[in-house]
Amino acid sequence: MSSTSPREFRRAQRQRVRGTILVTDSMTDMGVGRVGNLSESGMLLIAHSPLVDDALYQFRFNLGPGASGTIEAGAHLLWQDRASAPGQVWAGFRFITLLDSQLHRLRDWLATNNQRRHA
């Protein structure tokens, strides 16, 4: 095991997001934050304010131009912690519902994003 990189225990490798991917709560149609990192099984959300512990959320975010890049996912809040920036919270979510078509779109985006990182 390399001493320069921590061992990854997640089932799906997470990827840091380039740029800004805004996240909307689909139930309230209010913005809740932005994606910090993303995998096919969950995400790190950098939220504008604290969320309800252990709650279920319905989120919407866009991975590309137009409606074809929109992902709608049911997510379970696993943990949250205050970020170093005032008014921000880091929150770890596991996706619990995701349409197959959107899962394929997410996998394609992750593969493309990973290729760009290693180019």
PDB file of N, CA and C in Angstrom:
ATOM      1  N   MET A   1       0.850  -1.173   0.000  1.00  0.00           N
ATOM      2  CA  MET A   1       0.000   0.000   0.000  1.00  0.00           C
ATOM      3  C   MET A   1       0.891   1.230   0.000  1.00  0.00           C
ATOM      4  N   SER A   2       0.583   2.190  -0.844  1.00  0.00           N
ATOM      5  CA  SER A   2       1.366   3.416  -0.969  1.00  0.00           C
ATOM      6  C   SER A   2       1.098   4.334   0.214  1.00  0.00           C
ATOM      7  N   SER A   3       2.150   4.963   0.701  1.00  0.00           N
ATOM      8  CA  SER A   3       1.976   5.896   1.814  1.00  0.00           C
ATOM      9  C   SER A   3       1.543   7.271   1.332  1.00  0.00           C
ATOM     10  N   THR A   4       1.523   7.489   0.006  1.00  0.00           N
ATOM     11  CA  THR A   4       1.172   8.811  -0.514  1.00  0.00           C
ATOM     12  C   THR A   4      -0.309   8.969  -0.804  1.00  0.00           C
ATOM     13  N   SER A   5      -1.058   7.883  -0.885  1.00  0.00           N
ATOM     14  CA  SER A   5      -2.492   8.021  -1.137  1.00  0.00           C
ATOM     15  C   SER A   5      -3.264   7.146  -0.166  1.00  0.00           C
ATOM     16  N   PRO A   6      -4.331   7.689   0.422  1.00  0.00           N
ATOM     17  CA  PRO A   6      -5.114   6.908   1.367  1.00  0.00           C
ATOM     18  C   PRO A   6      -5.854   5.781   0.647  1.00  0.00           C
ATOM     19  N   ARG A   7      -6.097   4.700   1.346  1.00  0.00           N
ATOM     20  CA  ARG A   7      -6.809   3.567   0.767  1.00  0.00           C
ATOM     21  C   ARG A   7      -8.283   3.911   0.659  1.00  0.00           C
ATOM     22  N   GLU A   8      -8.878   3.550  -0.456  1.00  0.00           N
ATOM     23  CA  GLU A   8     -10.287   3.840  -0.726  1.00  0.00           C
ATOM     24  C   GLU A   8     -11.124   2.618  -0.366  1.00  0.00           C
ATOM     25  N   PHE A   9     -12.103   2.786   0.522  1.00  0.00           N
ATOM     26  CA  PHE A   9     -12.937   1.678   0.958  1.00  0.00           C
ATOM     27  C   PHE A   9     -14.325   1.703   0.332  1.00  0.00           C
ATOM     28  N   ARG A  10     -14.665   2.718  -0.401  1.00  0.00           N
ATOM     29  CA  ARG A  10     -15.978   2.788  -1.030  1.00  0.00           C
ATOM     30  C   ARG A  10     -16.076   1.752  -2.143  1.00  0.00           C
ATOM     31  N   ARG A  11     -17.308   1.268  -2.377  1.00  0.00           N
ATOM     32  CA  ARG A  11     -17.525   0.316  -3.469  1.00  0.00           C
ATOM     33  C   ARG A  11     -17.367   0.985  -4.820  1.00  0.00           C
ATOM     34  N   ALA A  12     -17.801   2.227  -4.931  1.00  0.00           N
ATOM     35  CA  ALA A  12     -17.702   2.977  -6.187  1.00  0.00           C
ATOM     36  C   ALA A  12     -16.736   4.139  -5.972  1.00  0.00           C
ATOM     37  N   GLN A  13     -15.756   4.236  -6.841  1.00  0.00           N
ATOM     38  CA  GLN A  13     -14.750   5.292  -6.706  1.00  0.00           C
ATOM     39  C   GLN A  13     -15.387   6.665  -6.922  1.00  0.00           C
ATOM     40  N   ARG A  14     -15.107   7.577  -6.022  1.00  0.00           N
ATOM     41  CA  ARG A  14     -15.637   8.935  -6.150  1.00  0.00           C
ATOM     42  C   ARG A  14     -14.700   9.768  -7.007  1.00  0.00           C
ATOM     43  N   GLN A  15     -15.278  10.766  -7.659  1.00  0.00           N
ATOM     44  CA  GLN A  15     -14.486  11.656  -8.497  1.00  0.00           C
ATOM     45  C   GLN A  15     -14.799  13.100  -8.150  1.00  0.00           C
ATOM     46  N   ARG A  16     -13.746  13.878  -8.003  1.00  0.00           N
ATOM     47  CA  ARG A  16     -13.896  15.308  -7.762  1.00  0.00           C
ATOM     48  C   ARG A  16     -14.528  15.935  -9.000  1.00  0.00           C
ATOM     49  N   VAL A  17     -15.367  16.922  -8.782  1.00  0.00           N
ATOM     50  CA  VAL A  17     -16.083  17.584  -9.867  1.00  0.00           C
ATOM     51  C   VAL A  17     -15.340  18.839 -10.284  1.00  0.00           C
ATOM     52  N   ARG A  18     -15.135  18.990 -11.579  1.00  0.00           N
ATOM     53  CA  ARG A  18     -14.574  20.236 -12.117  1.00  0.00           C
ATOM     54  C   ARG A  18     -15.734  21.180 -12.390  1.00  0.00           C
ATOM     55  N   GLY A  19     -15.565  22.435 -12.063  1.00  0.00           N
ATOM     56  CA  GLY A  19     -16.653  23.389 -12.281  1.00  0.00           C
ATOM     57  C   GLY A  19     -17.695  23.272 -11.190  1.00  0.00           C
ATOM     58  N   THR A  20     -18.869  23.773 -11.479  1.00  0.00           N
ATOM     59  CA  THR A  20     -19.942  23.806 -10.489  1.00  0.00           C
ATOM     60  C   THR A  20     -21.146  23.030 -10.990  1.00  0.00           C
ATOM     61  N   ILE A  21     -21.599  22.078 -10.190  1.00  0.00           N
ATOM     62  CA  ILE A  21     -22.838  21.357 -10.464  1.00  0.00           C
ATOM     63  C   ILE A  21     -23.781  21.679  -9.314  1.00  0.00           C
ATOM     64  N   LEU A  22     -24.781  22.501  -9.601  1.00  0.00           N
ATOM     65  CA  LEU A  22     -25.743  22.907  -8.582  1.00  0.00           C
ATOM     66  C   LEU A  22     -26.757  21.795  -8.329  1.00  0.00           C
ATOM     67  N   VAL A  23     -27.182  21.663  -7.070  1.00  0.00           N
ATOM     68  CA  VAL A  23     -28.129  20.629  -6.666  1.00  0.00           C
ATOM     69  C   VAL A  23     -29.396  21.300  -6.147  1.00  0.00           C
ATOM     70  N   THR A  24     -30.543  20.811  -6.640  1.00  0.00           N
ATOM     71  CA  THR A  24     -31.853  21.332  -6.250  1.00  0.00           C
ATOM     72  C   THR A  24     -32.616  20.250  -5.503  1.00  0.00           C
ATOM     73  N   ASP A  25     -33.315  20.636  -4.434  1.00  0.00           N
ATOM     74  CA  ASP A  25     -34.241  19.742  -3.749  1.00  0.00           C
ATOM     75  C   ASP A  25     -35.498  19.702  -4.613  1.00  0.00           C
ATOM     76  N   SER A  26     -35.806  18.560  -5.202  1.00  0.00           N
ATOM     77  CA  SER A  26     -36.936  18.450  -6.129  1.00  0.00           C
ATOM     78  C   SER A  26     -38.280  18.666  -5.451  1.00  0.00           C
ATOM     79  N   MET A  27     -38.367  18.423  -4.164  1.00  0.00           N
ATOM     80  CA  MET A  27     -39.641  18.579  -3.450  1.00  0.00           C
ATOM     81  C   MET A  27     -39.976  20.047  -3.211  1.00  0.00           C
ATOM     82  N   THR A  28     -38.960  20.880  -3.006  1.00  0.00           N
ATOM     83  CA  THR A  28     -39.192  22.303  -2.728  1.00  0.00           C
ATOM     84  C   THR A  28     -38.790  23.194  -3.898  1.00  0.00           C
ATOM     85  N   ASP A  29     -38.087  22.633  -4.868  1.00  0.00           N
ATOM     86  CA  ASP A  29     -37.529  23.358  -6.011  1.00  0.00           C
ATOM     87  C   ASP A  29     -36.562  24.460  -5.559  1.00  0.00           C
ATOM     88  N   MET A  30     -35.916  24.246  -4.425  1.00  0.00           N
ATOM     89  CA  MET A  30     -34.939  25.192  -3.885  1.00  0.00           C
ATOM     90  C   MET A  30     -33.533  24.607  -4.032  1.00  0.00           C
ATOM     91  N   GLY A  31     -32.583  25.488  -4.344  1.00  0.00           N
ATOM     92  CA  GLY A  31     -31.191  25.072  -4.396  1.00  0.00           C
ATOM     93  C   GLY A  31     -30.701  24.737  -2.999  1.00  0.00           C
ATOM     94  N   VAL A  32     -29.951  23.637  -2.873  1.00  0.00           N
ATOM     95  CA  VAL A  32     -29.430  23.236  -1.564  1.00  0.00           C
ATOM     96  C   VAL A  32     -27.912  23.290  -1.494  1.00  0.00           C
ATOM     97  N   GLY A  33     -27.251  23.372  -2.655  1.00  0.00           N
ATOM     98  CA  GLY A  33     -25.794  23.413  -2.641  1.00  0.00           C
ATOM     99  C   GLY A  33     -25.220  22.986  -3.974  1.00  0.00           C
ATOM    100  N   ARG A  34     -23.988  22.442  -3.889  1.00  0.00           N
ATOM    101  CA  ARG A  34     -23.301  21.991  -5.110  1.00  0.00           C
ATOM    102  C   ARG A  34     -22.577  20.685  -4.830  1.00  0.00           C
ATOM    103  N   VAL A  35     -22.318  19.941  -5.891  1.00  0.00           N
ATOM    104  CA  VAL A  35     -21.641  18.655  -5.771  1.00  0.00           C
ATOM    105  C   VAL A  35     -20.154  18.890  -5.519  1.00  0.00           C
ATOM    106  N   GLY A  36     -19.608  18.227  -4.500  1.00  0.00           N
ATOM    107  CA  GLY A  36     -18.174  18.275  -4.230  1.00  0.00           C
ATOM    108  C   GLY A  36     -17.454  17.134  -4.917  1.00  0.00           C
ATOM    109  N   ASN A  37     -17.988  15.915  -4.752  1.00  0.00           N
ATOM    110  CA  ASN A  37     -17.510  14.772  -5.515  1.00  0.00           C
ATOM    111  C   ASN A  37     -18.688  13.846  -5.754  1.00  0.00           C
ATOM    112  N   LEU A  38     -18.486  12.915  -6.690  1.00  0.00           N
ATOM    113  CA  LEU A  38     -19.608  12.132  -7.188  1.00  0.00           C
ATOM    114  C   LEU A  38     -19.146  10.726  -7.533  1.00  0.00           C
ATOM    115  N   SER A  39     -20.007   9.752  -7.273  1.00  0.00           N
ATOM    116  CA  SER A  39     -19.781   8.381  -7.726  1.00  0.00           C
ATOM    117  C   SER A  39     -21.129   7.849  -8.183  1.00  0.00           C
ATOM    118  N   GLU A  40     -21.148   6.623  -8.691  1.00  0.00           N
ATOM    119  CA  GLU A  40     -22.430   6.083  -9.131  1.00  0.00           C
ATOM    120  C   GLU A  40     -23.319   5.707  -7.949  1.00  0.00           C
ATOM    121  N   SER A  41     -22.765   5.684  -6.744  1.00  0.00           N
ATOM    122  CA  SER A  41     -23.570   5.311  -5.584  1.00  0.00           C
ATOM    123  C   SER A  41     -23.839   6.455  -4.609  1.00  0.00           C
ATOM    124  N   GLY A  42     -23.285   7.649  -4.870  1.00  0.00           N
ATOM    125  CA  GLY A  42     -23.542   8.751  -3.953  1.00  0.00           C
ATOM    126  C   GLY A  42     -22.747   9.989  -4.284  1.00  0.00           C
ATOM    127  N   MET A  43     -22.808  10.955  -3.368  1.00  0.00           N
ATOM    128  CA  MET A  43     -22.104  12.218  -3.603  1.00  0.00           C
ATOM    129  C   MET A  43     -21.796  12.920  -2.291  1.00  0.00           C
ATOM    130  N   LEU A  44     -20.814  13.800  -2.374  1.00  0.00           N
ATOM    131  CA  LEU A  44     -20.546  14.766  -1.322  1.00  0.00           C
ATOM    132  C   LEU A  44     -21.231  16.048  -1.757  1.00  0.00           C
ATOM    133  N   LEU A  45     -22.161  16.524  -0.956  1.00  0.00           N
ATOM    134  CA  LEU A  45     -22.866  17.770  -1.225  1.00  0.00           C
ATOM    135  C   LEU A  45     -22.278  18.853  -0.339  1.00  0.00           C
ATOM    136  N   ILE A  46     -21.912  19.966  -0.934  1.00  0.00           N
ATOM    137  CA  ILE A  46     -21.508  21.139  -0.166  1.00  0.00           C
ATOM    138  C   ILE A  46     -22.761  21.995  -0.073  1.00  0.00           C
ATOM    139  N   ALA A  47     -23.426  21.903   1.079  1.00  0.00           N
ATOM    140  CA  ALA A  47     -24.749  22.503   1.267  1.00  0.00           C
ATOM    141  C   ALA A  47     -24.646  23.923   1.810  1.00  0.00           C
ATOM    142  N   HIS A  48     -25.695  24.716   1.529  1.00  0.00           N
ATOM    143  CA  HIS A  48     -25.778  26.100   2.003  1.00  0.00           C
ATOM    144  C   HIS A  48     -26.131  26.182   3.485  1.00  0.00           C
ATOM    145  N   SER A  49     -26.776  25.134   4.009  1.00  0.00           N
ATOM    146  CA  SER A  49     -27.216  25.144   5.404  1.00  0.00           C
ATOM    147  C   SER A  49     -27.353  23.700   5.880  1.00  0.00           C
ATOM    148  N   PRO A  50     -27.427  23.490   7.199  1.00  0.00           N
ATOM    149  CA  PRO A  50     -27.555  22.131   7.719  1.00  0.00           C
ATOM    150  C   PRO A  50     -28.803  21.434   7.179  1.00  0.00           C
ATOM    151  N   LEU A  51     -28.713  20.120   7.080  1.00  0.00           N
ATOM    152  CA  LEU A  51     -29.809  19.291   6.598  1.00  0.00           C
ATOM    153  C   LEU A  51     -30.319  18.439   7.751  1.00  0.00           C
ATOM    154  N   VAL A  52     -31.398  17.713   7.526  1.00  0.00           N
ATOM    155  CA  VAL A  52     -31.980  16.868   8.564  1.00  0.00           C
ATOM    156  C   VAL A  52     -31.217  15.543   8.607  1.00  0.00           C
ATOM    157  N   ASP A  53     -30.649  15.217   9.774  1.00  0.00           N
ATOM    158  CA  ASP A  53     -29.873  13.982   9.932  1.00  0.00           C
ATOM    159  C   ASP A  53     -30.691  12.754   9.553  1.00  0.00           C
ATOM    160  N   ASP A  54     -30.059  11.819   8.846  1.00  0.00           N
ATOM    161  CA  ASP A  54     -30.636  10.523   8.490  1.00  0.00           C
ATOM    162  C   ASP A  54     -31.905  10.638   7.642  1.00  0.00           C
ATOM    163  N   ALA A  55     -32.098  11.767   6.976  1.00  0.00           N
ATOM    164  CA  ALA A  55     -33.313  11.999   6.191  1.00  0.00           C
ATOM    165  C   ALA A  55     -33.143  11.525   4.753  1.00  0.00           C
ATOM    166  N   LEU A  56     -34.275  11.392   4.077  1.00  0.00           N
ATOM    167  CA  LEU A  56     -34.302  11.063   2.656  1.00  0.00           C
ATOM    168  C   LEU A  56     -34.607  12.329   1.870  1.00  0.00           C
ATOM    169  N   TYR A  57     -33.931  12.498   0.752  1.00  0.00           N
ATOM    170  CA  TYR A  57     -34.098  13.677  -0.097  1.00  0.00           C
ATOM    171  C   TYR A  57     -34.301  13.240  -1.541  1.00  0.00           C
ATOM    172  N   GLN A  58     -34.935  14.095  -2.311  1.00  0.00           N
ATOM    173  CA  GLN A  58     -35.064  13.907  -3.751  1.00  0.00           C
ATOM    174  C   GLN A  58     -34.319  15.065  -4.405  1.00  0.00           C
ATOM    175  N   PHE A  59     -33.199  14.766  -5.046  1.00  0.00           N
ATOM    176  CA  PHE A  59     -32.341  15.798  -5.626  1.00  0.00           C
ATOM    177  C   PHE A  59     -32.365  15.766  -7.144  1.00  0.00           C
ATOM    178  N   ARG A  60     -32.075  16.931  -7.719  1.00  0.00           N
ATOM    179  CA  ARG A  60     -31.943  17.075  -9.169  1.00  0.00           C
ATOM    180  C   ARG A  60     -30.674  17.872  -9.437  1.00  0.00           C
ATOM    181  N   PHE A  61     -29.871  17.384 -10.376  1.00  0.00           N
ATOM    182  CA  PHE A  61     -28.684  18.127 -10.796  1.00  0.00           C
ATOM    183  C   PHE A  61     -28.402  17.792 -12.249  1.00  0.00           C
ATOM    184  N   ASN A  62     -27.622  18.647 -12.891  1.00  0.00           N
ATOM    185  CA  ASN A  62     -27.402  18.521 -14.322  1.00  0.00           C
ATOM    186  C   ASN A  62     -25.931  18.257 -14.620  1.00  0.00           C
ATOM    187  N   LEU A  63     -25.665  17.188 -15.360  1.00  0.00           N
ATOM    188  CA  LEU A  63     -24.296  16.810 -15.706  1.00  0.00           C
ATOM    189  C   LEU A  63     -23.878  17.282 -17.087  1.00  0.00           C
ATOM    190  N   GLY A  64     -24.792  17.894 -17.808  1.00  0.00           N
ATOM    191  CA  GLY A  64     -24.443  18.327 -19.158  1.00  0.00           C
ATOM    192  C   GLY A  64     -25.478  19.273 -19.709  1.00  0.00           C
ATOM    193  N   PRO A  65     -25.280  19.685 -20.942  1.00  0.00           N
ATOM    194  CA  PRO A  65     -26.203  20.647 -21.538  1.00  0.00           C
ATOM    195  C   PRO A  65     -27.588  20.043 -21.763  1.00  0.00           C
ATOM    196  N   GLY A  66     -28.607  20.857 -21.527  1.00  0.00           N
ATOM    197  CA  GLY A  66     -29.977  20.441 -21.803  1.00  0.00           C
ATOM    198  C   GLY A  66     -30.535  19.472 -20.785  1.00  0.00           C
ATOM    199  N   ALA A  67     -31.790  19.110 -21.004  1.00  0.00           N
ATOM    200  CA  ALA A  67     -32.486  18.215 -20.084  1.00  0.00           C
ATOM    201  C   ALA A  67     -31.925  16.799 -20.122  1.00  0.00           C
ATOM    202  N   SER A  68     -31.224  16.426 -21.195  1.00  0.00           N
ATOM    203  CA  SER A  68     -30.690  15.066 -21.295  1.00  0.00           C
ATOM    204  C   SER A  68     -29.610  14.803 -20.251  1.00  0.00           C
ATOM    205  N   GLY A  69     -29.022  15.856 -19.687  1.00  0.00           N
ATOM    206  CA  GLY A  69     -27.994  15.689 -18.669  1.00  0.00           C
ATOM    207  C   GLY A  69     -28.526  15.711 -17.253  1.00  0.00           C
ATOM    208  N   THR A  70     -29.847  15.853 -17.098  1.00  0.00           N
ATOM    209  CA  THR A  70     -30.439  15.974 -15.766  1.00  0.00           C
ATOM    210  C   THR A  70     -30.516  14.617 -15.070  1.00  0.00           C
ATOM    211  N   ILE A  71     -30.074  14.608 -13.818  1.00  0.00           N
ATOM    212  CA  ILE A  71     -30.157  13.421 -12.965  1.00  0.00           C
ATOM    213  C   ILE A  71     -31.138  13.740 -11.844  1.00  0.00           C
ATOM    214  N   GLU A  72     -32.079  12.831 -11.616  1.00  0.00           N
ATOM    215  CA  GLU A  72     -33.047  12.936 -10.520  1.00  0.00           C
ATOM    216  C   GLU A  72     -32.792  11.722  -9.642  1.00  0.00           C
ATOM    217  N   ALA A  73     -32.406  11.950  -8.380  1.00  0.00           N
ATOM    218  CA  ALA A  73     -32.003  10.834  -7.522  1.00  0.00           C
ATOM    219  C   ALA A  73     -32.602  10.966  -6.137  1.00  0.00           C
ATOM    220  N   GLY A  74     -33.100   9.848  -5.619  1.00  0.00           N
ATOM    221  CA  GLY A  74     -33.449   9.768  -4.215  1.00  0.00           C
ATOM    222  C   GLY A  74     -32.164   9.511  -3.452  1.00  0.00           C
ATOM    223  N   ALA A  75     -31.967  10.214  -2.341  1.00  0.00           N
ATOM    224  CA  ALA A  75     -30.697  10.118  -1.620  1.00  0.00           C
ATOM    225  C   ALA A  75     -30.930  10.091  -0.112  1.00  0.00           C
ATOM    226  N   HIS A  76     -30.086   9.329   0.573  1.00  0.00           N
ATOM    227  CA  HIS A  76     -30.137   9.204   2.031  1.00  0.00           C
ATOM    228  C   HIS A  76     -28.934   9.931   2.620  1.00  0.00           C
ATOM    229  N   LEU A  77     -29.194  10.856   3.543  1.00  0.00           N
ATOM    230  CA  LEU A  77     -28.114  11.586   4.210  1.00  0.00           C
ATOM    231  C   LEU A  77     -27.449  10.659   5.227  1.00  0.00           C
ATOM    232  N   LEU A  78     -26.174  10.344   4.990  1.00  0.00           N
ATOM    233  CA  LEU A  78     -25.427   9.453   5.878  1.00  0.00           C
ATOM    234  C   LEU A  78     -24.705  10.208   6.981  1.00  0.00           C
ATOM    235  N   TRP A  79     -24.181  11.388   6.664  1.00  0.00           N
ATOM    236  CA  TRP A  79     -23.433  12.184   7.638  1.00  0.00           C
ATOM    237  C   TRP A  79     -23.387  13.629   7.159  1.00  0.00           C
ATOM    238  N   GLN A  80     -23.102  14.531   8.083  1.00  0.00           N
ATOM    239  CA  GLN A  80     -22.858  15.931   7.732  1.00  0.00           C
ATOM    240  C   GLN A  80     -21.916  16.540   8.755  1.00  0.00           C
ATOM    241  N   ASP A  81     -21.168  17.547   8.295  1.00  0.00           N
ATOM    242  CA  ASP A  81     -20.189  18.209   9.146  1.00  0.00           C
ATOM    243  C   ASP A  81     -20.029  19.641   8.658  1.00  0.00           C
ATOM    244  N   ARG A  82     -19.782  20.551   9.569  1.00  0.00           N
ATOM    245  CA  ARG A  82     -19.551  21.944   9.168  1.00  0.00           C
ATOM    246  C   ARG A  82     -18.293  22.048   8.330  1.00  0.00           C
ATOM    247  N   ALA A  83     -18.384  22.807   7.258  1.00  0.00           N
ATOM    248  CA  ALA A  83     -17.213  23.077   6.421  1.00  0.00           C
ATOM    249  C   ALA A  83     -16.440  24.230   7.039  1.00  0.00           C
ATOM    250  N   SER A  84     -15.233  24.465   6.551  1.00  0.00           N
ATOM    251  CA  SER A  84     -14.435  25.568   7.086  1.00  0.00           C
ATOM    252  C   SER A  84     -14.995  26.924   6.664  1.00  0.00           C
ATOM    253  N   ALA A  85     -15.724  26.973   5.556  1.00  0.00           N
ATOM    254  CA  ALA A  85     -16.341  28.230   5.105  1.00  0.00           C
ATOM    255  C   ALA A  85     -17.622  28.479   5.899  1.00  0.00           C
ATOM    256  N   PRO A  86     -17.819  29.698   6.383  1.00  0.00           N
ATOM    257  CA  PRO A  86     -19.027  30.010   7.154  1.00  0.00           C
ATOM    258  C   PRO A  86     -20.297  29.724   6.352  1.00  0.00           C
ATOM    259  N   GLY A  87     -21.274  29.102   7.017  1.00  0.00           N
ATOM    260  CA  GLY A  87     -22.559  28.848   6.389  1.00  0.00           C
ATOM    261  C   GLY A  87     -22.594  27.645   5.464  1.00  0.00           C
ATOM    262  N   GLN A  88     -21.506  26.882   5.395  1.00  0.00           N
ATOM    263  CA  GLN A  88     -21.490  25.697   4.538  1.00  0.00           C
ATOM    264  C   GLN A  88     -21.410  24.428   5.376  1.00  0.00           C
ATOM    265  N   VAL A  89     -22.029  23.382   4.836  1.00  0.00           N
ATOM    266  CA  VAL A  89     -22.027  22.071   5.473  1.00  0.00           C
ATOM    267  C   VAL A  89     -21.613  21.041   4.430  1.00  0.00           C
ATOM    268  N   TRP A  90     -20.727  20.128   4.795  1.00  0.00           N
ATOM    269  CA  TRP A  90     -20.386  19.000   3.934  1.00  0.00           C
ATOM    270  C   TRP A  90     -21.319  17.860   4.318  1.00  0.00           C
ATOM    271  N   ALA A  91     -21.950  17.237   3.332  1.00  0.00           N
ATOM    272  CA  ALA A  91     -22.920  16.184   3.608  1.00  0.00           C
ATOM    273  C   ALA A  91     -22.696  15.005   2.666  1.00  0.00           C
ATOM    274  N   GLY A  92     -22.613  13.814   3.244  1.00  0.00           N
ATOM    275  CA  GLY A  92     -22.418  12.598   2.459  1.00  0.00           C
ATOM    276  C   GLY A  92     -23.743  11.908   2.210  1.00  0.00           C
ATOM    277  N   PHE A  93     -24.037  11.642   0.939  1.00  0.00           N
ATOM    278  CA  PHE A  93     -25.295  11.011   0.539  1.00  0.00           C
ATOM    279  C   PHE A  93     -25.042   9.711  -0.205  1.00  0.00           C
ATOM    280  N   ARG A  94     -25.930   8.748   0.022  1.00  0.00           N
ATOM    281  CA  ARG A  94     -25.971   7.509  -0.753  1.00  0.00           C
ATOM    282  C   ARG A  94     -27.219   7.577  -1.621  1.00  0.00           C
ATOM    283  N   PHE A  95     -27.062   7.300  -2.915  1.00  0.00           N
ATOM    284  CA  PHE A  95     -28.223   7.269  -3.799  1.00  0.00           C
ATOM    285  C   PHE A  95     -29.022   6.008  -3.513  1.00  0.00           C
ATOM    286  N   ILE A  96     -30.336   6.172  -3.332  1.00  0.00           N
ATOM    287  CA  ILE A  96     -31.193   5.013  -3.072  1.00  0.00           C
ATOM    288  C   ILE A  96     -32.142   4.739  -4.233  1.00  0.00           C
ATOM    289  N   THR A  97     -32.441   5.746  -5.041  1.00  0.00           N
ATOM    290  CA  THR A  97     -33.240   5.538  -6.250  1.00  0.00           C
ATOM    291  C   THR A  97     -32.639   6.350  -7.383  1.00  0.00           C
ATOM    292  N   LEU A  98     -32.508   5.682  -8.515  1.00  0.00           N
ATOM    293  CA  LEU A  98     -31.949   6.304  -9.710  1.00  0.00           C
ATOM    294  C   LEU A  98     -32.437   5.468 -10.889  1.00  0.00           C
ATOM    295  N   LEU A  99     -33.103   6.098 -11.847  1.00  0.00           N
ATOM    296  CA  LEU A  99     -33.561   5.362 -13.024  1.00  0.00           C
ATOM    297  C   LEU A  99     -32.366   4.754 -13.748  1.00  0.00           C
ATOM    298  N   ASP A 100     -32.572   3.590 -14.373  1.00  0.00           N
ATOM    299  CA  ASP A 100     -31.486   2.935 -15.109  1.00  0.00           C
ATOM    300  C   ASP A 100     -30.887   3.859 -16.160  1.00  0.00           C
ATOM    301  N   SER A 101     -31.735   4.592 -16.877  1.00  0.00           N
ATOM    302  CA  SER A 101     -31.234   5.501 -17.920  1.00  0.00           C
ATOM    303  C   SER A 101     -30.340   6.586 -17.315  1.00  0.00           C
ATOM    304  N   GLN A 102     -30.697   7.060 -16.134  1.00  0.00           N
ATOM    305  CA  GLN A 102     -29.891   8.089 -15.485  1.00  0.00           C
ATOM    306  C   GLN A 102     -28.615   7.499 -14.884  1.00  0.00           C
ATOM    307  N   LEU A 103     -28.683   6.258 -14.419  1.00  0.00           N
ATOM    308  CA  LEU A 103     -27.477   5.587 -13.931  1.00  0.00           C
ATOM    309  C   LEU A 103     -26.473   5.426 -15.075  1.00  0.00           C
ATOM    310  N   HIS A 104     -26.957   5.048 -16.265  1.00  0.00           N
ATOM    311  CA  HIS A 104     -26.067   4.931 -17.435  1.00  0.00           C
ATOM    312  C   HIS A 104     -25.462   6.285 -17.785  1.00  0.00           C
ATOM    313  N   ARG A 105     -26.267   7.334 -17.729  1.00  0.00           N
ATOM    314  CA  ARG A 105     -25.779   8.691 -18.010  1.00  0.00           C
ATOM    315  C   ARG A 105     -24.704   9.083 -16.996  1.00  0.00           C
ATOM    316  N   LEU A 106     -24.960   8.783 -15.726  1.00  0.00           N
ATOM    317  CA  LEU A 106     -23.997   9.089 -14.668  1.00  0.00           C
ATOM    318  C   LEU A 106     -22.698   8.305 -14.881  1.00  0.00           C
ATOM    319  N   ARG A 107     -22.807   7.022 -15.204  1.00  0.00           N
ATOM    320  CA  ARG A 107     -21.607   6.209 -15.460  1.00  0.00           C
ATOM    321  C   ARG A 107     -20.814   6.758 -16.644  1.00  0.00           C
ATOM    322  N   ASP A 108     -21.522   7.155 -17.706  1.00  0.00           N
ATOM    323  CA  ASP A 108     -20.844   7.740 -18.873  1.00  0.00           C
ATOM    324  C   ASP A 108     -20.112   9.016 -18.483  1.00  0.00           C
ATOM    325  N   TRP A 109     -20.775   9.866 -17.686  1.00  0.00           N
ATOM    326  CA  TRP A 109     -20.161  11.120 -17.247  1.00  0.00           C
ATOM    327  C   TRP A 109     -18.919  10.834 -16.400  1.00  0.00           C
ATOM    328  N   LEU A 110     -19.026   9.873 -15.484  1.00  0.00           N
ATOM    329  CA  LEU A 110     -17.893   9.528 -14.628  1.00  0.00           C
ATOM    330  C   LEU A 110     -16.724   8.993 -15.452  1.00  0.00           C
ATOM    331  N   ALA A 111     -17.011   8.152 -16.441  1.00  0.00           N
ATOM    332  CA  ALA A 111     -15.950   7.607 -17.293  1.00  0.00           C
ATOM    333  C   ALA A 111     -15.275   8.714 -18.090  1.00  0.00           C
ATOM    334  N   THR A 112     -16.062   9.623 -18.652  1.00  0.00           N
ATOM    335  CA  THR A 112     -15.510  10.740 -19.423  1.00  0.00           C
ATOM    336  C   THR A 112     -14.698  11.659 -18.527  1.00  0.00           C
ATOM    337  N   ASN A 113     -15.225  11.958 -17.345  1.00  0.00           N
ATOM    338  CA  ASN A 113     -14.532  12.822 -16.389  1.00  0.00           C
ATOM    339  C   ASN A 113     -13.209  12.189 -15.960  1.00  0.00           C
ATOM    340  N   ASN A 114     -13.206  10.878 -15.752  1.00  0.00           N
ATOM    341  CA  ASN A 114     -11.997  10.164 -15.352  1.00  0.00           C
ATOM    342  C   ASN A 114     -10.949  10.199 -16.466  1.00  0.00           C
ATOM    343  N   GLN A 115     -11.375  10.052 -17.719  1.00  0.00           N
ATOM    344  CA  GLN A 115     -10.437  10.113 -18.851  1.00  0.00           C
ATOM    345  C   GLN A 115      -9.804  11.493 -18.946  1.00  0.00           C
ATOM    346  N   ARG A 116     -10.588  12.548 -18.724  1.00  0.00           N
ATOM    347  CA  ARG A 116     -10.052  13.916 -18.773  1.00  0.00           C
ATOM    348  C   ARG A 116      -9.024  14.141 -17.679  1.00  0.00           C
ATOM    349  N   ARG A 117      -9.245  13.554 -16.507  1.00  0.00           N
ATOM    350  CA  ARG A 117      -8.306  13.713 -15.389  1.00  0.00           C
ATOM    351  C   ARG A 117      -6.965  13.079 -15.697  1.00  0.00           C
ATOM    352  N   HIS A 118      -6.988  11.970 -16.434  1.00  0.00           N
ATOM    353  CA  HIS A 118      -5.753  11.229 -16.701  1.00  0.00           C
ATOM    354  C   HIS A 118      -5.125  11.579 -18.040  1.00  0.00           C
ATOM    355  N   ALA A 119      -5.713  12.514 -18.763  1.00  0.00           N
ATOM    356  CA  ALA A 119      -5.169  12.908 -20.081  1.00  0.00           C
ATOM    357  C   ALA A 119      -4.003  13.863 -19.923  1.00  0.00           C
TER     358      ALA A 119
END
